[in-house]
Protein backbone atom coordinates (compact mmCIF):
# COMPACT_ATOMS: atom_id res chain seq x y z
CA UNK A 1 10.18 60.67 -31.65
CA UNK A 2 11.14 64.30 -31.04
CA UNK A 3 13.16 65.93 -33.78
CA UNK A 4 16.84 66.48 -33.00
CA UNK A 5 18.02 70.10 -33.09
CA UNK A 6 21.45 71.04 -34.45
CA UNK A 7 22.47 74.59 -33.62
CA UNK A 8 24.99 76.93 -35.10
CA UNK A 9 26.50 79.08 -32.32
CA UNK A 10 27.78 82.43 -33.62
CA UNK A 11 24.90 84.65 -34.70
CA UNK A 12 22.34 82.02 -33.69
CA UNK A 13 22.76 81.36 -29.96
CA UNK A 14 25.05 84.24 -29.03
CA UNK A 15 26.10 87.61 -30.41
CA UNK A 16 29.81 87.20 -31.00
CA UNK A 17 30.38 89.56 -33.91
CA UNK A 18 32.28 92.27 -32.03
CA UNK A 19 34.54 89.66 -30.45
CA UNK A 20 35.14 87.96 -33.82
CA UNK A 21 36.00 91.22 -35.58
CA UNK A 22 38.33 92.41 -32.82
CA UNK A 23 40.07 89.03 -32.64
CA UNK A 24 40.50 88.79 -36.41
CA UNK A 25 41.98 92.27 -36.63
CA UNK A 26 44.31 91.66 -33.69
CA UNK A 27 45.62 88.55 -35.46
CA UNK A 28 45.93 90.32 -38.81
CA UNK A 29 47.85 93.19 -37.20
CA UNK A 30 50.53 90.77 -35.99
CA UNK A 31 51.10 89.74 -39.62
CA UNK A 32 50.94 93.26 -41.04
CA UNK A 33 47.67 92.64 -42.90
CA UNK A 34 45.06 95.35 -43.46
CA UNK A 35 42.21 95.09 -40.92
CA UNK A 36 38.77 93.87 -41.91
CA UNK A 37 35.74 96.13 -41.82
CA UNK A 38 32.45 94.95 -40.28
CA UNK A 39 30.83 95.11 -43.70
CA UNK A 40 33.46 92.78 -45.17
CA UNK A 41 33.39 90.18 -42.42
CA UNK A 42 29.71 89.99 -41.46
CA UNK A 43 28.45 88.08 -44.55
CA UNK A 44 31.21 85.47 -44.15
CA UNK A 45 30.54 84.51 -40.52
CA UNK A 46 30.11 80.74 -40.44
CA UNK A 47 32.92 80.07 -42.89
CA UNK A 48 36.33 78.86 -41.65
CA UNK A 49 38.91 81.61 -41.11
CA UNK A 50 41.15 80.42 -43.99
CA UNK A 51 38.21 80.68 -46.37
CA UNK A 52 37.42 84.18 -45.10
CA UNK A 53 41.02 85.30 -45.62
CA UNK A 54 41.08 83.82 -49.11
CA UNK A 55 37.90 85.62 -50.13
CA UNK A 56 38.67 88.95 -48.45
CA UNK A 57 42.46 89.27 -48.78
CA UNK A 58 43.39 86.66 -51.38
CA UNK A 59 45.59 84.91 -48.81
CA UNK A 60 46.73 81.27 -48.74
CA UNK A 61 49.69 79.45 -47.23
CA UNK A 62 51.56 79.38 -43.91
CA UNK A 63 50.60 82.91 -42.88
CA UNK A 64 46.94 81.92 -43.03
CA UNK A 65 47.58 79.09 -40.59
CA UNK A 66 49.39 81.48 -38.26
CA UNK A 67 46.65 84.09 -38.44
CA UNK A 68 44.01 81.45 -37.80
CA UNK A 69 45.80 80.15 -34.71
CA UNK A 70 46.31 83.66 -33.33
CA UNK A 71 42.67 84.53 -34.04
CA UNK A 72 41.54 81.61 -31.91
CA UNK A 73 43.84 82.66 -29.08
CA UNK A 74 42.44 86.21 -29.09
CA UNK A 75 38.87 85.01 -29.44
CA UNK A 76 39.06 82.52 -26.58
CA UNK A 77 40.44 85.26 -24.33
CA UNK A 78 37.26 87.19 -25.04
CA UNK A 79 35.12 84.12 -24.42
CA UNK A 80 36.39 83.99 -20.84
CA UNK A 81 35.03 87.51 -20.23
CA UNK A 82 31.58 86.38 -21.37
CA UNK A 83 29.62 86.59 -24.61
CA UNK A 84 25.97 87.73 -24.75
CA UNK A 85 23.26 85.23 -25.54
CA UNK A 86 20.47 86.42 -27.78
CA UNK A 87 17.18 87.16 -25.95
CA UNK A 88 15.31 84.12 -24.62
CA UNK A 89 17.94 81.57 -25.70
CA UNK A 90 18.32 79.91 -22.31
CA UNK A 91 14.59 79.91 -21.60
CA UNK A 92 13.76 78.52 -25.05
CA UNK A 93 16.37 75.78 -24.85
CA UNK A 94 14.77 74.76 -21.55
CA UNK A 95 11.41 74.47 -23.33
CA UNK A 96 13.04 72.30 -26.00
CA UNK A 97 14.99 70.11 -23.58
CA UNK A 98 12.97 66.99 -24.47
CA UNK A 99 14.64 67.09 -27.88
CA UNK A 100 18.12 65.71 -28.57
CA UNK A 101 20.24 68.85 -28.99
CA UNK A 102 23.69 69.21 -30.56
CA UNK A 103 25.91 71.78 -32.21
CA UNK A 104 26.56 72.37 -35.90
CA UNK A 105 29.29 74.98 -35.71
CA UNK A 106 32.46 75.82 -37.60
CA UNK A 107 34.11 76.47 -34.22
CA UNK A 108 36.83 74.10 -33.13
CA UNK A 109 35.49 71.54 -30.66
CA UNK A 110 37.22 72.82 -27.54
CA UNK A 111 36.27 76.42 -28.31
CA UNK A 112 32.64 75.52 -28.94
CA UNK A 113 32.42 73.55 -25.72
CA UNK A 114 33.90 76.41 -23.72
CA UNK A 115 31.56 78.98 -25.30
CA UNK A 116 28.55 76.95 -24.20
CA UNK A 117 29.99 76.46 -20.71
CA UNK A 118 30.75 80.13 -20.12
CA UNK A 119 27.35 81.19 -21.40
CA UNK A 120 25.58 78.73 -19.08
CA UNK A 121 23.79 76.67 -21.75
CA UNK A 122 26.08 73.64 -21.98
CA UNK A 123 23.71 71.41 -19.95
CA UNK A 124 21.11 71.60 -22.72
CA UNK A 125 23.45 69.98 -25.25
CA UNK A 126 23.63 66.22 -25.50
CA UNK A 127 26.60 66.43 -27.86
CA UNK A 128 29.03 69.17 -28.86
CA UNK A 129 30.90 68.74 -32.13
CA UNK A 130 33.28 71.12 -33.83
CA UNK A 131 34.21 72.07 -37.34
CA UNK A 132 37.68 70.60 -36.81
CA UNK A 133 36.14 67.11 -36.61
CA UNK A 134 35.09 66.95 -40.28
CA UNK A 135 37.09 67.26 -43.48
CA UNK A 136 34.78 69.67 -45.30
CA UNK A 137 33.15 72.79 -43.84
CA UNK A 138 29.65 74.13 -44.35
CA UNK A 139 27.95 74.34 -46.88
CA UNK A 140 28.98 70.70 -47.36
CA UNK A 141 26.78 68.25 -45.41
CA UNK A 142 29.66 66.71 -43.43
CA UNK A 143 29.15 68.70 -40.22
CA UNK A 144 25.39 68.21 -39.76
CA UNK A 145 25.73 64.55 -40.72
CA UNK A 146 28.50 64.11 -38.15
CA UNK A 147 26.35 65.82 -35.51
CA UNK A 148 23.40 63.58 -36.30
CA UNK A 149 25.62 60.51 -36.05
CA UNK A 150 26.94 61.70 -32.68
CA UNK A 151 23.36 62.03 -31.44
CA UNK A 152 22.41 58.65 -32.90
CA UNK A 153 19.59 60.22 -34.93
CA UNK A 154 18.93 59.74 -38.67
CA UNK A 155 19.37 62.89 -40.78
CA UNK A 156 15.69 63.06 -41.71
CA UNK A 157 14.86 63.43 -38.01
CA UNK A 158 17.12 66.48 -37.58
CA UNK A 159 16.57 70.23 -37.83
CA UNK A 160 19.46 72.60 -38.52
CA UNK A 161 19.08 76.06 -36.98
CA UNK A 162 21.48 78.77 -38.17
CA UNK A 163 21.79 82.38 -39.22
CA UNK A 164 24.04 82.01 -42.27
CA UNK A 165 23.28 80.77 -45.77
CA UNK A 166 25.99 78.12 -45.37
CA UNK A 167 24.07 76.70 -42.37
CA UNK A 168 20.92 76.29 -44.42
CA UNK A 169 22.75 74.89 -47.43
CA UNK A 170 24.60 72.37 -45.26
CA UNK A 171 21.36 71.25 -43.64
CA UNK A 172 19.55 70.88 -46.93
CA UNK A 173 22.50 68.95 -48.40
CA UNK A 174 22.24 66.59 -45.43
CA UNK A 175 18.48 66.07 -46.13
CA UNK A 176 17.49 67.83 -42.92
CA UNK A 177 14.86 70.43 -42.16
CA UNK A 178 16.30 73.91 -41.80
CA UNK A 179 15.40 77.05 -39.85
CA UNK A 180 16.98 80.41 -40.66
CA UNK A 181 17.59 82.81 -37.75
CA UNK A 182 16.99 86.15 -39.48
CA UNK A 183 18.28 88.17 -36.48
CA UNK A 184 21.87 86.96 -36.98
CA UNK A 185 24.66 87.87 -39.38
CA UNK A 186 23.50 86.36 -42.67
CA UNK A 187 22.00 88.68 -45.27
CA UNK A 188 18.25 88.47 -45.87
CA UNK A 189 18.84 87.91 -49.58
CA UNK A 190 21.39 85.16 -48.96
CA UNK A 191 19.10 83.36 -46.53
CA UNK A 192 16.15 83.49 -48.92
CA UNK A 193 18.29 82.12 -51.73
CA UNK A 194 19.38 79.23 -49.48
CA UNK A 195 15.66 78.28 -49.18
CA UNK A 196 15.20 77.42 -45.48
CA UNK A 197 12.12 75.42 -44.58
CA UNK A 198 11.22 78.09 -42.02
CA UNK A 199 12.52 81.41 -40.70
CA UNK A 200 12.39 82.87 -37.19
CA UNK A 201 12.82 86.51 -36.28
CA UNK A 202 13.33 85.69 -32.59
CA UNK A 203 14.83 82.64 -30.93
CA UNK A 204 11.66 82.38 -28.83
CA UNK A 205 9.71 81.58 -32.02
CA UNK A 206 11.55 78.29 -32.47
CA UNK A 207 9.33 75.94 -30.40
CA UNK A 208 6.30 76.80 -32.53
CA UNK A 209 8.24 76.06 -35.70
CA UNK A 210 9.50 72.72 -34.36
CA UNK A 211 5.97 71.78 -33.27
CA UNK A 212 4.74 72.54 -36.80
CA UNK A 213 7.47 70.34 -38.29
CA UNK A 214 6.49 67.50 -35.96
CA UNK A 215 2.80 67.80 -36.79
């Protein structure tokens, strides 16, 4: 049986950092909060917005909910203008199309589905699940386990592919194989400390890694 592949989206399939940063700062401006710098935000991509705001601005409460909702509005506006895929993503997904493929993203379900549609890679995904469908975010195992269940595949037959330490930690907690995408937003040190089973420097390297896992 082919291994199932569970993909993070931001920083793994598509380069969304500029859109994330602009959307976050547009939302923060409406609430009179100091904007985030790229250096502050980049290491926290993959975490839910409320967690980012807690860590970076010490914020909790109703304003955080408002900022989060406004962030998603601004971000989805940018999605409709198109977001760049990383090199060879579409071609590589086509090569891997005999595998069950799903998402493992913090994105809300509807946003994740629309991102895949606009970028032209939705047909490769058997299931799309969102971070709003589980009670605990990455690095807890809830999201990859939910994705595996949606695909009807046992956890030990799944591979998590992501660029952030929380992706790798979530996959390992779920007893899955893990592949770190070193070209994304996670720090090299953080990814090493998360102990992925393999690392790719280009998305096009993924089929060789999956073939090695299966051998």
